[in-house]
Every structure is written in structure tokens, then in C-alpha cells.
PDB file of all heavy atoms in Angstrom:
ATOM      1  N   GLY A   1      -3.348  -6.566 -10.936  1.00  0.00           N
ATOM      2  CA  GLY A   1      -3.715  -7.779 -10.234  1.00  0.00           C
ATOM      3  C   GLY A   1      -3.437  -9.011 -11.062  1.00  0.00           C
ATOM      4  O   GLY A   1      -3.149  -8.934 -12.253  1.00  0.00           O
ATOM      5  N   GLY A   2      -3.519 -10.165 -10.413  1.00  0.00           N
ATOM      6  CA  GLY A   2      -3.281 -11.411 -11.102  1.00  0.00           C
ATOM      7  C   GLY A   2      -3.034 -12.546 -10.140  1.00  0.00           C
ATOM      8  O   GLY A   2      -3.304 -12.444  -8.946  1.00  0.00           O
ATOM      9  N   LEU A   3      -2.509 -13.638 -10.677  1.00  0.00           N
ATOM     10  CA  LEU A   3      -2.203 -14.837  -9.904  1.00  0.00           C
ATOM     11  C   LEU A   3      -0.726 -14.849  -9.551  1.00  0.00           C
ATOM     12  O   LEU A   3       0.133 -14.643 -10.421  1.00  0.00           O
ATOM     13  CB  LEU A   3      -2.562 -16.081 -10.714  1.00  0.00           C
ATOM     14  CG  LEU A   3      -2.227 -17.436 -10.098  1.00  0.00           C
ATOM     15  CD1 LEU A   3      -3.039 -17.664  -8.828  1.00  0.00           C
ATOM     16  CD2 LEU A   3      -2.484 -18.542 -11.108  1.00  0.00           C
ATOM     17  N   VAL A   4      -0.427 -15.100  -8.287  1.00  0.00           N
ATOM     18  CA  VAL A   4       0.951 -15.123  -7.823  1.00  0.00           C
ATOM     19  C   VAL A   4       1.108 -16.220  -6.774  1.00  0.00           C
ATOM     20  O   VAL A   4       0.161 -16.547  -6.055  1.00  0.00           O
ATOM     21  CB  VAL A   4       1.367 -13.748  -7.258  1.00  0.00           C
ATOM     22  CG1 VAL A   4       0.554 -13.407  -6.013  1.00  0.00           C
ATOM     23  CG2 VAL A   4       2.854 -13.697  -6.970  1.00  0.00           C
ATOM     24  N   GLN A   5       2.300 -16.796  -6.688  1.00  0.00           N
ATOM     25  CA  GLN A   5       2.579 -17.829  -5.699  1.00  0.00           C
ATOM     26  C   GLN A   5       2.853 -17.219  -4.331  1.00  0.00           C
ATOM     27  O   GLN A   5       3.275 -16.063  -4.234  1.00  0.00           O
ATOM     28  CB  GLN A   5       3.782 -18.665  -6.129  1.00  0.00           C
ATOM     29  CG  GLN A   5       3.555 -19.465  -7.398  1.00  0.00           C
ATOM     30  CD  GLN A   5       4.759 -20.293  -7.775  1.00  0.00           C
ATOM     31  OE1 GLN A   5       5.794 -20.260  -7.111  1.00  0.00           O
ATOM     32  NE2 GLN A   5       4.642 -21.057  -8.847  1.00  0.00           N
ATOM     33  N   PRO A   6       2.608 -17.974  -3.256  1.00  0.00           N
ATOM     34  CA  PRO A   6       2.969 -17.477  -1.924  1.00  0.00           C
ATOM     35  C   PRO A   6       4.430 -17.063  -1.870  1.00  0.00           C
ATOM     36  O   PRO A   6       5.302 -17.747  -2.397  1.00  0.00           O
ATOM     37  CB  PRO A   6       2.694 -18.667  -1.008  1.00  0.00           C
ATOM     38  CG  PRO A   6       1.653 -19.457  -1.733  1.00  0.00           C
ATOM     39  CD  PRO A   6       1.980 -19.302  -3.193  1.00  0.00           C
ATOM     40  N   GLY A   7       4.681 -15.937  -1.219  1.00  0.00           N
ATOM     41  CA  GLY A   7       6.024 -15.388  -1.155  1.00  0.00           C
ATOM     42  C   GLY A   7       6.382 -14.471  -2.302  1.00  0.00           C
ATOM     43  O   GLY A   7       7.430 -13.809  -2.251  1.00  0.00           O
ATOM     44  N   GLY A   8       5.544 -14.424  -3.308  1.00  0.00           N
ATOM     45  CA  GLY A   8       5.800 -13.594  -4.472  1.00  0.00           C
ATOM     46  C   GLY A   8       5.388 -12.151  -4.266  1.00  0.00           C
ATOM     47  O   GLY A   8       4.960 -11.746  -3.185  1.00  0.00           O
ATOM     48  N   SER A   9       5.500 -11.367  -5.339  1.00  0.00           N
ATOM     49  CA  SER A   9       5.224  -9.935  -5.285  1.00  0.00           C
ATOM     50  C   SER A   9       4.351  -9.494  -6.447  1.00  0.00           C
ATOM     51  O   SER A   9       4.376 -10.088  -7.529  1.00  0.00           O
ATOM     52  CB  SER A   9       6.528  -9.131  -5.328  1.00  0.00           C
ATOM     53  OG  SER A   9       7.354  -9.410  -4.219  1.00  0.00           O
ATOM     54  N   LEU A  10       3.579  -8.444  -6.209  1.00  0.00           N
ATOM     55  CA  LEU A  10       2.801  -7.762  -7.231  1.00  0.00           C
ATOM     56  C   LEU A  10       2.821  -6.275  -6.938  1.00  0.00           C
ATOM     57  O   LEU A  10       2.940  -5.864  -5.781  1.00  0.00           O
ATOM     58  CB  LEU A  10       1.345  -8.238  -7.259  1.00  0.00           C
ATOM     59  CG  LEU A  10       1.010  -9.591  -7.878  1.00  0.00           C
ATOM     60  CD1 LEU A  10      -0.468  -9.899  -7.650  1.00  0.00           C
ATOM     61  CD2 LEU A  10       1.330  -9.604  -9.362  1.00  0.00           C
ATOM     62  N   ARG A  11       2.687  -5.464  -7.984  1.00  0.00           N
ATOM     63  CA  ARG A  11       2.512  -4.036  -7.815  1.00  0.00           C
ATOM     64  C   ARG A  11       1.212  -3.612  -8.467  1.00  0.00           C
ATOM     65  O   ARG A  11       1.030  -3.773  -9.679  1.00  0.00           O
ATOM     66  CB  ARG A  11       3.673  -3.231  -8.411  1.00  0.00           C
ATOM     67  CG  ARG A  11       3.584  -1.745  -8.050  1.00  0.00           C
ATOM     68  CD  ARG A  11       4.723  -0.919  -8.599  1.00  0.00           C
ATOM     69  NE  ARG A  11       4.602  -0.676 -10.037  1.00  0.00           N
ATOM     70  CZ  ARG A  11       5.222   0.299 -10.684  1.00  0.00           C
ATOM     71  NH1 ARG A  11       6.028   1.135 -10.032  1.00  0.00           N
ATOM     72  NH2 ARG A  11       5.063   0.424 -11.987  1.00  0.00           N
ATOM     73  N   LEU A  12       0.305  -3.075  -7.663  1.00  0.00           N
ATOM     74  CA  LEU A  12      -0.952  -2.560  -8.155  1.00  0.00           C
ATOM     75  C   LEU A  12      -0.823  -1.078  -8.465  1.00  0.00           C
ATOM     76  O   LEU A  12      -0.123  -0.349  -7.772  1.00  0.00           O
ATOM     77  CB  LEU A  12      -2.067  -2.762  -7.129  1.00  0.00           C
ATOM     78  CG  LEU A  12      -2.288  -4.185  -6.606  1.00  0.00           C
ATOM     79  CD1 LEU A  12      -3.481  -4.208  -5.662  1.00  0.00           C
ATOM     80  CD2 LEU A  12      -2.478  -5.163  -7.751  1.00  0.00           C
ATOM     81  N   SER A  13      -1.526  -0.641  -9.510  1.00  0.00           N
ATOM     82  CA  SER A  13      -1.547   0.762  -9.892  1.00  0.00           C
ATOM     83  C   SER A  13      -2.975   1.280  -9.877  1.00  0.00           C
ATOM     84  O   SER A  13      -3.911   0.554 -10.207  1.00  0.00           O
ATOM     85  CB  SER A  13      -0.957   0.958 -11.288  1.00  0.00           C
ATOM     86  OG  SER A  13       0.396   0.564 -11.340  1.00  0.00           O
ATOM     87  N   CYS A  14      -3.138   2.532  -9.506  1.00  0.00           N
ATOM     88  CA  CYS A  14      -4.428   3.206  -9.519  1.00  0.00           C
ATOM     89  C   CYS A  14      -4.249   4.513 -10.275  1.00  0.00           C
ATOM     90  O   CYS A  14      -3.635   5.452  -9.752  1.00  0.00           O
ATOM     91  CB  CYS A  14      -4.923   3.458  -8.098  1.00  0.00           C
ATOM     92  SG  CYS A  14      -6.410   4.488  -7.987  1.00  0.00           S
ATOM     93  N   ALA A  15      -4.764   4.571 -11.495  1.00  0.00           N
ATOM     94  CA  ALA A  15      -4.638   5.750 -12.343  1.00  0.00           C
ATOM     95  C   ALA A  15      -5.869   6.630 -12.181  1.00  0.00           C
ATOM     96  O   ALA A  15      -6.995   6.168 -12.344  1.00  0.00           O
ATOM     97  CB  ALA A  15      -4.464   5.343 -13.801  1.00  0.00           C
ATOM     98  N   ALA A  16      -5.660   7.904 -11.882  1.00  0.00           N
ATOM     99  CA  ALA A  16      -6.742   8.859 -11.680  1.00  0.00           C
ATOM    100  C   ALA A  16      -6.957   9.707 -12.920  1.00  0.00           C
ATOM    101  O   ALA A  16      -6.021   9.962 -13.688  1.00  0.00           O
ATOM    102  CB  ALA A  16      -6.447   9.757 -10.487  1.00  0.00           C
ATOM    103  N   SER A  17      -8.196  10.163 -13.099  1.00  0.00           N
ATOM    104  CA  SER A  17      -8.558  10.924 -14.287  1.00  0.00           C
ATOM    105  C   SER A  17      -8.146  12.389 -14.224  1.00  0.00           C
ATOM    106  O   SER A  17      -8.230  13.092 -15.231  1.00  0.00           O
ATOM    107  CB  SER A  17     -10.071  10.841 -14.524  1.00  0.00           C
ATOM    108  OG  SER A  17     -10.781  11.401 -13.439  1.00  0.00           O
ATOM    109  N   ARG A  18      -7.726  12.840 -13.066  1.00  0.00           N
ATOM    110  CA  ARG A  18      -7.258  14.201 -12.917  1.00  0.00           C
ATOM    111  C   ARG A  18      -6.154  14.239 -11.876  1.00  0.00           C
ATOM    112  O   ARG A  18      -5.820  13.212 -11.271  1.00  0.00           O
ATOM    113  CB  ARG A  18      -8.401  15.143 -12.521  1.00  0.00           C
ATOM    114  CG  ARG A  18      -8.989  14.880 -11.136  1.00  0.00           C
ATOM    115  CD  ARG A  18      -9.901  16.016 -10.724  1.00  0.00           C
ATOM    116  NE  ARG A  18     -10.584  15.788  -9.459  1.00  0.00           N
ATOM    117  CZ  ARG A  18     -10.059  16.072  -8.267  1.00  0.00           C
ATOM    118  NH1 ARG A  18      -8.825  16.564  -8.168  1.00  0.00           N
ATOM    119  NH2 ARG A  18     -10.766  15.853  -7.160  1.00  0.00           N
ATOM    120  N   SER A  19      -5.614  15.415 -11.644  1.00  0.00           N
ATOM    121  CA  SER A  19      -4.540  15.584 -10.672  1.00  0.00           C
ATOM    122  C   SER A  19      -4.968  15.083  -9.298  1.00  0.00           C
ATOM    123  O   SER A  19      -6.083  15.330  -8.851  1.00  0.00           O
ATOM    124  CB  SER A  19      -4.127  17.049 -10.584  1.00  0.00           C
ATOM    125  OG  SER A  19      -3.190  17.246  -9.540  1.00  0.00           O
ATOM    126  N   ILE A  20      -4.062  14.379  -8.634  1.00  0.00           N
ATOM    127  CA  ILE A  20      -4.307  13.924  -7.262  1.00  0.00           C
ATOM    128  C   ILE A  20      -3.549  14.779  -6.258  1.00  0.00           C
ATOM    129  O   ILE A  20      -3.559  14.478  -5.062  1.00  0.00           O
ATOM    130  CB  ILE A  20      -3.933  12.435  -7.088  1.00  0.00           C
ATOM    131  CG1 ILE A  20      -2.436  12.220  -7.365  1.00  0.00           C
ATOM    132  CG2 ILE A  20      -4.789  11.563  -7.986  1.00  0.00           C
ATOM    133  CD1 ILE A  20      -1.964  10.812  -7.032  1.00  0.00           C
ATOM    134  N   PHE A  21      -2.927  15.842  -6.739  1.00  0.00           N
ATOM    135  CA  PHE A  21      -2.118  16.697  -5.870  1.00  0.00           C
ATOM    136  C   PHE A  21      -2.923  17.249  -4.707  1.00  0.00           C
ATOM    137  O   PHE A  21      -2.429  17.317  -3.576  1.00  0.00           O
ATOM    138  CB  PHE A  21      -1.513  17.833  -6.693  1.00  0.00           C
ATOM    139  CG  PHE A  21      -0.717  18.824  -5.877  1.00  0.00           C
ATOM    140  CD1 PHE A  21       0.579  18.529  -5.490  1.00  0.00           C
ATOM    141  CD2 PHE A  21      -1.265  20.035  -5.500  1.00  0.00           C
ATOM    142  CE1 PHE A  21       1.319  19.430  -4.743  1.00  0.00           C
ATOM    143  CE2 PHE A  21      -0.538  20.945  -4.753  1.00  0.00           C
ATOM    144  CZ  PHE A  21       0.759  20.645  -4.375  1.00  0.00           C
ATOM    145  N   SER A  22      -4.171  17.669  -4.978  1.00  0.00           N
ATOM    146  CA  SER A  22      -4.998  18.316  -3.964  1.00  0.00           C
ATOM    147  C   SER A  22      -5.936  17.361  -3.232  1.00  0.00           C
ATOM    148  O   SER A  22      -6.692  17.799  -2.361  1.00  0.00           O
ATOM    149  CB  SER A  22      -5.818  19.436  -4.601  1.00  0.00           C
ATOM    150  OG  SER A  22      -6.686  18.940  -5.597  1.00  0.00           O
ATOM    151  N   ILE A  23      -5.897  16.070  -3.557  1.00  0.00           N
ATOM    152  CA  ILE A  23      -6.746  15.097  -2.876  1.00  0.00           C
ATOM    153  C   ILE A  23      -6.156  14.789  -1.510  1.00  0.00           C
ATOM    154  O   ILE A  23      -4.970  14.464  -1.394  1.00  0.00           O
ATOM    155  CB  ILE A  23      -6.895  13.814  -3.716  1.00  0.00           C
ATOM    156  CG1 ILE A  23      -7.614  14.143  -5.027  1.00  0.00           C
ATOM    157  CG2 ILE A  23      -7.648  12.742  -2.946  1.00  0.00           C
ATOM    158  CD1 ILE A  23      -7.757  12.964  -5.966  1.00  0.00           C
ATOM    159  N   ASP A  24      -6.985  14.892  -0.473  1.00  0.00           N
ATOM    160  CA  ASP A  24      -6.496  14.756   0.898  1.00  0.00           C
ATOM    161  C   ASP A  24      -5.792  13.432   1.140  1.00  0.00           C
ATOM    162  O   ASP A  24      -4.737  13.380   1.768  1.00  0.00           O
ATOM    163  CB  ASP A  24      -7.651  14.920   1.889  1.00  0.00           C
ATOM    164  CG  ASP A  24      -8.113  16.356   2.027  1.00  0.00           C
ATOM    165  OD1 ASP A  24      -7.368  17.269   1.620  1.00  0.00           O
ATOM    166  OD2 ASP A  24      -9.224  16.569   2.554  1.00  0.00           O
ATOM    167  N   ALA A  25      -6.390  12.348   0.654  1.00  0.00           N
ATOM    168  CA  ALA A  25      -5.804  11.037   0.878  1.00  0.00           C
ATOM    169  C   ALA A  25      -6.262  10.060  -0.198  1.00  0.00           C
ATOM    170  O   ALA A  25      -7.379  10.159  -0.707  1.00  0.00           O
ATOM    171  CB  ALA A  25      -6.159  10.501   2.259  1.00  0.00           C
ATOM    172  N   MET A  26      -5.390   9.126  -0.517  1.00  0.00           N
ATOM    173  CA  MET A  26      -5.700   8.016  -1.395  1.00  0.00           C
ATOM    174  C   MET A  26      -5.493   6.732  -0.612  1.00  0.00           C
ATOM    175  O   MET A  26      -4.590   6.656   0.222  1.00  0.00           O
ATOM    176  CB  MET A  26      -4.814   8.022  -2.630  1.00  0.00           C
ATOM    177  CG  MET A  26      -4.888   9.288  -3.470  1.00  0.00           C
ATOM    178  SD  MET A  26      -6.457   9.450  -4.361  1.00  0.00           S
ATOM    179  CE  MET A  26      -6.347   8.054  -5.495  1.00  0.00           C
ATOM    180  N   GLY A  27      -6.315   5.744  -0.896  1.00  0.00           N
ATOM    181  CA  GLY A  27      -6.212   4.506  -0.144  1.00  0.00           C
ATOM    182  C   GLY A  27      -6.424   3.267  -0.974  1.00  0.00           C
ATOM    183  O   GLY A  27      -6.986   3.318  -2.070  1.00  0.00           O
ATOM    184  N   TRP A  28      -5.930   2.163  -0.439  1.00  0.00           N
ATOM    185  CA  TRP A  28      -6.193   0.837  -0.984  1.00  0.00           C
ATOM    186  C   TRP A  28      -6.999   0.045   0.044  1.00  0.00           C
ATOM    187  O   TRP A  28      -6.653   0.026   1.233  1.00  0.00           O
ATOM    188  CB  TRP A  28      -4.912   0.082  -1.308  1.00  0.00           C
ATOM    189  CG  TRP A  28      -4.210   0.558  -2.549  1.00  0.00           C
ATOM    190  CD1 TRP A  28      -3.172   1.428  -2.627  1.00  0.00           C
ATOM    191  CD2 TRP A  28      -4.517   0.169  -3.893  1.00  0.00           C
ATOM    192  NE1 TRP A  28      -2.796   1.612  -3.935  1.00  0.00           N
ATOM    193  CE2 TRP A  28      -3.610   0.850  -4.735  1.00  0.00           C
ATOM    194  CE3 TRP A  28      -5.456  -0.683  -4.472  1.00  0.00           C
ATOM    195  CZ2 TRP A  28      -3.624   0.706  -6.120  1.00  0.00           C
ATOM    196  CZ3 TRP A  28      -5.468  -0.825  -5.852  1.00  0.00           C
ATOM    197  CH2 TRP A  28      -4.559  -0.135  -6.655  1.00  0.00           C
ATOM    198  N   TYR A  29      -8.059  -0.591  -0.416  1.00  0.00           N
ATOM    199  CA  TYR A  29      -8.894  -1.461   0.385  1.00  0.00           C
ATOM    200  C   TYR A  29      -8.973  -2.817  -0.299  1.00  0.00           C
ATOM    201  O   TYR A  29      -8.658  -2.951  -1.482  1.00  0.00           O
ATOM    202  CB  TYR A  29     -10.303  -0.886   0.549  1.00  0.00           C
ATOM    203  CG  TYR A  29     -10.367   0.402   1.342  1.00  0.00           C
ATOM    204  CD1 TYR A  29      -9.895   1.599   0.811  1.00  0.00           C
ATOM    205  CD2 TYR A  29     -10.905   0.425   2.625  1.00  0.00           C
ATOM    206  CE1 TYR A  29      -9.947   2.780   1.533  1.00  0.00           C
ATOM    207  CE2 TYR A  29     -10.969   1.600   3.357  1.00  0.00           C
ATOM    208  CZ  TYR A  29     -10.490   2.772   2.803  1.00  0.00           C
ATOM    209  OH  TYR A  29     -10.554   3.939   3.527  1.00  0.00           O
ATOM    210  N   ARG A  30      -9.402  -3.828   0.441  1.00  0.00           N
ATOM    211  CA  ARG A  30      -9.589  -5.142  -0.166  1.00  0.00           C
ATOM    212  C   ARG A  30     -10.784  -5.839   0.458  1.00  0.00           C
ATOM    213  O   ARG A  30     -11.170  -5.569   1.588  1.00  0.00           O
ATOM    214  CB  ARG A  30      -8.333  -6.007  -0.020  1.00  0.00           C
ATOM    215  CG  ARG A  30      -8.020  -6.437   1.407  1.00  0.00           C
ATOM    216  CD  ARG A  30      -6.696  -7.176   1.453  1.00  0.00           C
ATOM    217  NE  ARG A  30      -6.363  -7.635   2.795  1.00  0.00           N
ATOM    218  CZ  ARG A  30      -5.215  -8.186   3.132  1.00  0.00           C
ATOM    219  NH1 ARG A  30      -4.259  -8.363   2.215  1.00  0.00           N
ATOM    220  NH2 ARG A  30      -5.000  -8.584   4.385  1.00  0.00           N
ATOM    221  N   GLN A  31     -11.362  -6.747  -0.312  1.00  0.00           N
ATOM    222  CA  GLN A  31     -12.477  -7.544   0.160  1.00  0.00           C
ATOM    223  C   GLN A  31     -12.279  -8.986  -0.284  1.00  0.00           C
ATOM    224  O   GLN A  31     -12.260  -9.278  -1.478  1.00  0.00           O
ATOM    225  CB  GLN A  31     -13.814  -7.006  -0.357  1.00  0.00           C
ATOM    226  CG  GLN A  31     -15.021  -7.699   0.248  1.00  0.00           C
ATOM    227  CD  GLN A  31     -16.302  -6.924   0.028  1.00  0.00           C
ATOM    228  OE1 GLN A  31     -16.389  -6.084  -0.861  1.00  0.00           O
ATOM    229  NE2 GLN A  31     -17.299  -7.188   0.848  1.00  0.00           N
ATOM    230  N   ALA A  32     -12.110  -9.873   0.691  1.00  0.00           N
ATOM    231  CA  ALA A  32     -11.956 -11.289   0.439  1.00  0.00           C
ATOM    232  C   ALA A  32     -13.322 -11.964   0.481  1.00  0.00           C
ATOM    233  O   ALA A  32     -14.264 -11.437   1.083  1.00  0.00           O
ATOM    234  CB  ALA A  32     -11.024 -11.912   1.476  1.00  0.00           C
ATOM    235  N   PRO A  33     -13.451 -13.132  -0.138  1.00  0.00           N
ATOM    236  CA  PRO A  33     -14.734 -13.848  -0.112  1.00  0.00           C
ATOM    237  C   PRO A  33     -15.223 -14.088   1.309  1.00  0.00           C
ATOM    238  O   PRO A  33     -14.472 -14.565   2.159  1.00  0.00           O
ATOM    239  CB  PRO A  33     -14.413 -15.163  -0.818  1.00  0.00           C
ATOM    240  CG  PRO A  33     -13.269 -14.838  -1.720  1.00  0.00           C
ATOM    241  CD  PRO A  33     -12.446 -13.839  -0.953  1.00  0.00           C
ATOM    242  N   GLY A  34     -16.472 -13.726   1.576  1.00  0.00           N
ATOM    243  CA  GLY A  34     -17.065 -13.930   2.881  1.00  0.00           C
ATOM    244  C   GLY A  34     -16.648 -12.936   3.944  1.00  0.00           C
ATOM    245  O   GLY A  34     -17.026 -13.101   5.108  1.00  0.00           O
TER     246      GLY A  34
END
């Protein structure tokens, strides 16, 4: 995460402590102010 200008790009990473091979699903969620 970080600060980026409109129209720009970012790549988020989520590192897991164990294998994710057998995990049914992984997801990204977000929460904006309010």
C-alpha cells in the first residue's frame, strides 16, 4: 500500500504463514472512511 496519483497503479501482496494450496478461497476487501 501507499500513496498514488489518480490513474496510477499499485500491487498489493498478501503473504500467508503456510501453504494456501488447500484454502478454498482467498479474498481482498476494503474499508473506506465512513
